[in-house]
Amino acid sequence: MEDAMKRAEDVGLDLMEVSPNSKPPVCRIVNFGKLKYEKKKKIQNSKKKQHVIKVKEIRLRPKIGDHDFDTKVNNMGRKFIQ
């Protein structure tokens, strides 16, 4: 472990422990800042690809007139299509 830490320090990178429970522990020499940046970018790209579904609704009263009902349905029908 000390040898790996020394090698990482000589190169100017960080030592990251991948599997601490295994014998011997598995480590990787990486640039931690770059790893963190790539993870952040991956999360941002996945958020961009998500699409939120908007719920559209029409409110109608029980005692609405026939002409008012037809007008609302026609106007809202155009908005639903868009």
N, C-alpha and C. Protein backbone atom coordinates (compact mmCIF):
# COMPACT_ATOMS: atom_id res chain seq x y z
N MET A 1 0.83 -1.19 0.00
CA MET A 1 0.00 0.00 0.00
C MET A 1 0.88 1.26 0.00
N GLU A 2 1.95 1.24 0.79
CA GLU A 2 2.84 2.39 0.86
C GLU A 2 3.53 2.62 -0.49
N ASP A 3 3.87 1.48 -1.16
CA ASP A 3 4.51 1.58 -2.47
C ASP A 3 3.57 2.25 -3.48
N ALA A 4 2.30 1.88 -3.44
CA ALA A 4 1.32 2.46 -4.35
C ALA A 4 1.13 3.95 -4.06
N MET A 5 1.12 4.32 -2.79
CA MET A 5 0.97 5.73 -2.42
C MET A 5 2.17 6.53 -2.92
N LYS A 6 3.36 5.94 -2.81
CA LYS A 6 4.58 6.62 -3.26
C LYS A 6 4.56 6.80 -4.78
N ARG A 7 4.13 5.75 -5.51
CA ARG A 7 4.06 5.85 -6.97
C ARG A 7 3.06 6.92 -7.40
N ALA A 8 1.92 6.97 -6.75
CA ALA A 8 0.91 7.98 -7.09
C ALA A 8 1.44 9.38 -6.82
N GLU A 9 2.14 9.54 -5.71
CA GLU A 9 2.70 10.85 -5.36
C GLU A 9 3.78 11.27 -6.36
N ASP A 10 4.60 10.31 -6.80
CA ASP A 10 5.65 10.61 -7.77
C ASP A 10 5.07 11.09 -9.10
N VAL A 11 3.97 10.50 -9.50
CA VAL A 11 3.33 10.86 -10.78
C VAL A 11 2.50 12.12 -10.63
N GLY A 12 2.10 12.45 -9.42
CA GLY A 12 1.28 13.64 -9.18
C GLY A 12 -0.21 13.36 -9.29
N LEU A 13 -0.57 12.10 -9.08
CA LEU A 13 -1.98 11.71 -9.14
C LEU A 13 -2.44 11.22 -7.77
N ASP A 14 -3.70 10.78 -7.71
CA ASP A 14 -4.28 10.33 -6.45
C ASP A 14 -4.43 8.81 -6.45
N LEU A 15 -4.37 8.23 -5.26
CA LEU A 15 -4.57 6.79 -5.10
C LEU A 15 -5.99 6.57 -4.61
N MET A 16 -6.78 5.84 -5.41
CA MET A 16 -8.17 5.59 -5.06
C MET A 16 -8.36 4.10 -4.77
N GLU A 17 -8.96 3.79 -3.64
CA GLU A 17 -9.18 2.41 -3.25
C GLU A 17 -10.47 1.92 -3.89
N VAL A 18 -10.36 0.90 -4.75
CA VAL A 18 -11.51 0.39 -5.49
C VAL A 18 -12.25 -0.65 -4.67
N SER A 19 -11.53 -1.59 -4.10
CA SER A 19 -12.15 -2.67 -3.32
C SER A 19 -11.40 -2.84 -2.01
N PRO A 20 -11.87 -2.21 -0.94
CA PRO A 20 -11.14 -2.27 0.33
C PRO A 20 -11.25 -3.61 1.05
N ASN A 21 -12.28 -4.40 0.76
CA ASN A 21 -12.50 -5.64 1.50
C ASN A 21 -11.71 -6.81 0.96
N SER A 22 -11.18 -6.71 -0.24
CA SER A 22 -10.44 -7.83 -0.82
C SER A 22 -9.03 -7.89 -0.22
N LYS A 23 -8.41 -9.05 -0.35
CA LYS A 23 -7.05 -9.24 0.14
C LYS A 23 -6.18 -9.54 -1.06
N PRO A 24 -5.22 -8.77 -1.43
CA PRO A 24 -4.87 -7.43 -0.98
C PRO A 24 -5.88 -6.40 -1.51
N PRO A 25 -5.97 -5.25 -0.85
CA PRO A 25 -6.92 -4.22 -1.30
C PRO A 25 -6.57 -3.73 -2.72
N VAL A 26 -7.59 -3.52 -3.52
CA VAL A 26 -7.40 -3.10 -4.91
C VAL A 26 -7.46 -1.58 -4.96
N CYS A 27 -6.41 -0.97 -5.55
CA CYS A 27 -6.34 0.49 -5.65
C CYS A 27 -6.06 0.88 -7.10
N ARG A 28 -6.38 2.13 -7.42
CA ARG A 28 -6.16 2.65 -8.76
C ARG A 28 -5.54 4.03 -8.64
N ILE A 29 -4.56 4.31 -9.50
CA ILE A 29 -3.95 5.63 -9.53
C ILE A 29 -4.70 6.46 -10.57
N VAL A 30 -5.39 7.51 -10.11
CA VAL A 30 -6.22 8.32 -11.00
C VAL A 30 -6.07 9.79 -10.67
N ASN A 31 -6.51 10.63 -11.60
CA ASN A 31 -6.63 12.05 -11.35
C ASN A 31 -8.04 12.25 -10.79
N PHE A 32 -8.15 12.46 -9.49
CA PHE A 32 -9.46 12.50 -8.83
C PHE A 32 -10.30 13.68 -9.30
N GLY A 33 -9.68 14.81 -9.57
CA GLY A 33 -10.42 15.97 -10.07
C GLY A 33 -11.08 15.68 -11.41
N LYS A 34 -10.36 15.00 -12.29
CA LYS A 34 -10.89 14.65 -13.60
C LYS A 34 -12.02 13.63 -13.46
N LEU A 35 -11.85 12.67 -12.56
CA LEU A 35 -12.87 11.65 -12.32
C LEU A 35 -14.16 12.29 -11.81
N LYS A 36 -14.02 13.24 -10.89
CA LYS A 36 -15.18 13.94 -10.33
C LYS A 36 -15.87 14.77 -11.41
N TYR A 37 -15.09 15.44 -12.26
CA TYR A 37 -15.63 16.26 -13.35
C TYR A 37 -16.42 15.40 -14.34
N GLU A 38 -15.86 14.25 -14.71
CA GLU A 38 -16.54 13.36 -15.66
C GLU A 38 -17.85 12.83 -15.08
N LYS A 39 -17.85 12.52 -13.80
CA LYS A 39 -19.07 12.02 -13.15
C LYS A 39 -20.15 13.11 -13.15
N LYS A 40 -19.74 14.36 -12.88
CA LYS A 40 -20.68 15.48 -12.88
C LYS A 40 -21.26 15.70 -14.27
N LYS A 41 -20.42 15.62 -15.30
CA LYS A 41 -20.89 15.79 -16.68
C LYS A 41 -21.86 14.67 -17.07
N LYS A 42 -21.58 13.46 -16.64
CA LYS A 42 -22.45 12.33 -16.95
C LYS A 42 -23.83 12.54 -16.33
N ILE A 43 -23.87 13.04 -15.11
CA ILE A 43 -25.15 13.31 -14.43
C ILE A 43 -25.89 14.42 -15.16
N GLN A 44 -25.19 15.48 -15.58
CA GLN A 44 -25.82 16.58 -16.31
C GLN A 44 -26.41 16.10 -17.63
N ASN A 45 -25.68 15.26 -18.35
CA ASN A 45 -26.18 14.75 -19.63
C ASN A 45 -27.40 13.86 -19.44
N SER A 46 -27.41 13.07 -18.38
CA SER A 46 -28.57 12.21 -18.14
C SER A 46 -29.79 13.05 -17.76
N LYS A 47 -29.58 14.17 -17.06
CA LYS A 47 -30.70 15.06 -16.73
C LYS A 47 -31.25 15.74 -17.97
N LYS A 48 -30.38 16.06 -18.93
CA LYS A 48 -30.83 16.70 -20.17
C LYS A 48 -31.73 15.76 -20.96
N LYS A 49 -31.43 14.47 -20.92
CA LYS A 49 -32.16 13.50 -21.72
C LYS A 49 -33.52 13.14 -21.10
N GLN A 50 -33.72 13.44 -19.84
CA GLN A 50 -35.00 13.14 -19.20
C GLN A 50 -36.05 14.11 -19.71
N HIS A 51 -37.23 13.60 -19.92
CA HIS A 51 -38.32 14.42 -20.43
C HIS A 51 -39.45 14.42 -19.42
N VAL A 52 -39.85 15.59 -18.99
CA VAL A 52 -40.94 15.72 -18.03
C VAL A 52 -42.24 15.84 -18.80
N ILE A 53 -43.20 15.01 -18.46
CA ILE A 53 -44.49 15.02 -19.13
C ILE A 53 -45.38 16.06 -18.46
N LYS A 54 -45.90 16.97 -19.26
CA LYS A 54 -46.79 17.99 -18.74
C LYS A 54 -48.22 17.48 -18.84
N VAL A 55 -48.97 17.63 -17.78
CA VAL A 55 -50.37 17.21 -17.75
C VAL A 55 -51.23 18.40 -18.16
N LYS A 56 -52.05 18.18 -19.16
CA LYS A 56 -52.96 19.22 -19.62
C LYS A 56 -54.37 18.81 -19.24
N GLU A 57 -55.16 19.78 -18.81
CA GLU A 57 -56.51 19.44 -18.37
C GLU A 57 -57.49 20.52 -18.79
N ILE A 58 -58.74 20.11 -18.87
CA ILE A 58 -59.85 21.03 -19.14
C ILE A 58 -60.79 20.94 -17.96
N ARG A 59 -61.19 22.08 -17.42
CA ARG A 59 -62.15 22.10 -16.32
C ARG A 59 -63.52 22.49 -16.87
N LEU A 60 -64.48 21.65 -16.60
CA LEU A 60 -65.85 21.90 -17.04
C LEU A 60 -66.78 21.80 -15.85
N ARG A 61 -67.79 22.65 -15.83
CA ARG A 61 -68.80 22.64 -14.78
C ARG A 61 -69.97 21.76 -15.22
N PRO A 62 -70.74 21.23 -14.29
CA PRO A 62 -71.87 20.37 -14.67
C PRO A 62 -72.97 21.12 -15.42
N LYS A 63 -73.15 22.42 -15.17
CA LYS A 63 -74.24 23.17 -15.79
C LYS A 63 -73.75 24.05 -16.93
N ILE A 64 -72.76 23.60 -17.68
CA ILE A 64 -72.22 24.40 -18.78
C ILE A 64 -73.17 24.30 -19.98
N GLY A 65 -73.29 25.39 -20.71
CA GLY A 65 -74.15 25.41 -21.88
C GLY A 65 -73.54 24.63 -23.04
N ASP A 66 -74.39 24.22 -23.97
CA ASP A 66 -73.92 23.41 -25.11
C ASP A 66 -72.89 24.17 -25.95
N HIS A 67 -73.18 25.42 -26.24
CA HIS A 67 -72.26 26.21 -27.07
C HIS A 67 -70.95 26.47 -26.32
N ASP A 68 -71.04 26.75 -25.02
CA ASP A 68 -69.83 26.97 -24.22
C ASP A 68 -68.97 25.70 -24.19
N PHE A 69 -69.62 24.57 -24.05
CA PHE A 69 -68.91 23.29 -24.03
C PHE A 69 -68.18 23.07 -25.36
N ASP A 70 -68.89 23.28 -26.48
CA ASP A 70 -68.28 23.09 -27.80
C ASP A 70 -67.09 24.03 -28.00
N THR A 71 -67.25 25.28 -27.58
CA THR A 71 -66.17 26.26 -27.72
C THR A 71 -64.94 25.84 -26.92
N LYS A 72 -65.15 25.43 -25.68
CA LYS A 72 -64.01 25.01 -24.84
C LYS A 72 -63.32 23.79 -25.43
N VAL A 73 -64.09 22.83 -25.86
CA VAL A 73 -63.51 21.61 -26.42
C VAL A 73 -62.70 21.93 -27.68
N ASN A 74 -63.24 22.78 -28.55
CA ASN A 74 -62.52 23.13 -29.78
C ASN A 74 -61.25 23.91 -29.49
N ASN A 75 -61.31 24.89 -28.59
CA ASN A 75 -60.13 25.68 -28.26
C ASN A 75 -59.07 24.84 -27.57
N MET A 76 -59.47 24.02 -26.62
CA MET A 76 -58.50 23.20 -25.89
C MET A 76 -57.97 22.08 -26.77
N GLY A 77 -58.79 21.60 -27.69
CA GLY A 77 -58.32 20.57 -28.62
C GLY A 77 -57.13 21.04 -29.42
N ARG A 78 -57.14 22.29 -29.83
CA ARG A 78 -56.01 22.86 -30.57
C ARG A 78 -54.77 22.95 -29.68
N LYS A 79 -54.97 23.29 -28.41
CA LYS A 79 -53.83 23.42 -27.50
C LYS A 79 -53.23 22.06 -27.15
N PHE A 80 -54.07 21.02 -27.07
CA PHE A 80 -53.56 19.69 -26.76
C PHE A 80 -52.70 19.15 -27.89
N ILE A 81 -53.07 19.49 -29.10
CA ILE A 81 -52.32 19.00 -30.26
C ILE A 81 -50.93 19.63 -30.31
N GLN A 82 -50.79 20.86 -29.87
CA GLN A 82 -49.50 21.56 -29.94
C GLN A 82 -48.51 21.00 -28.99
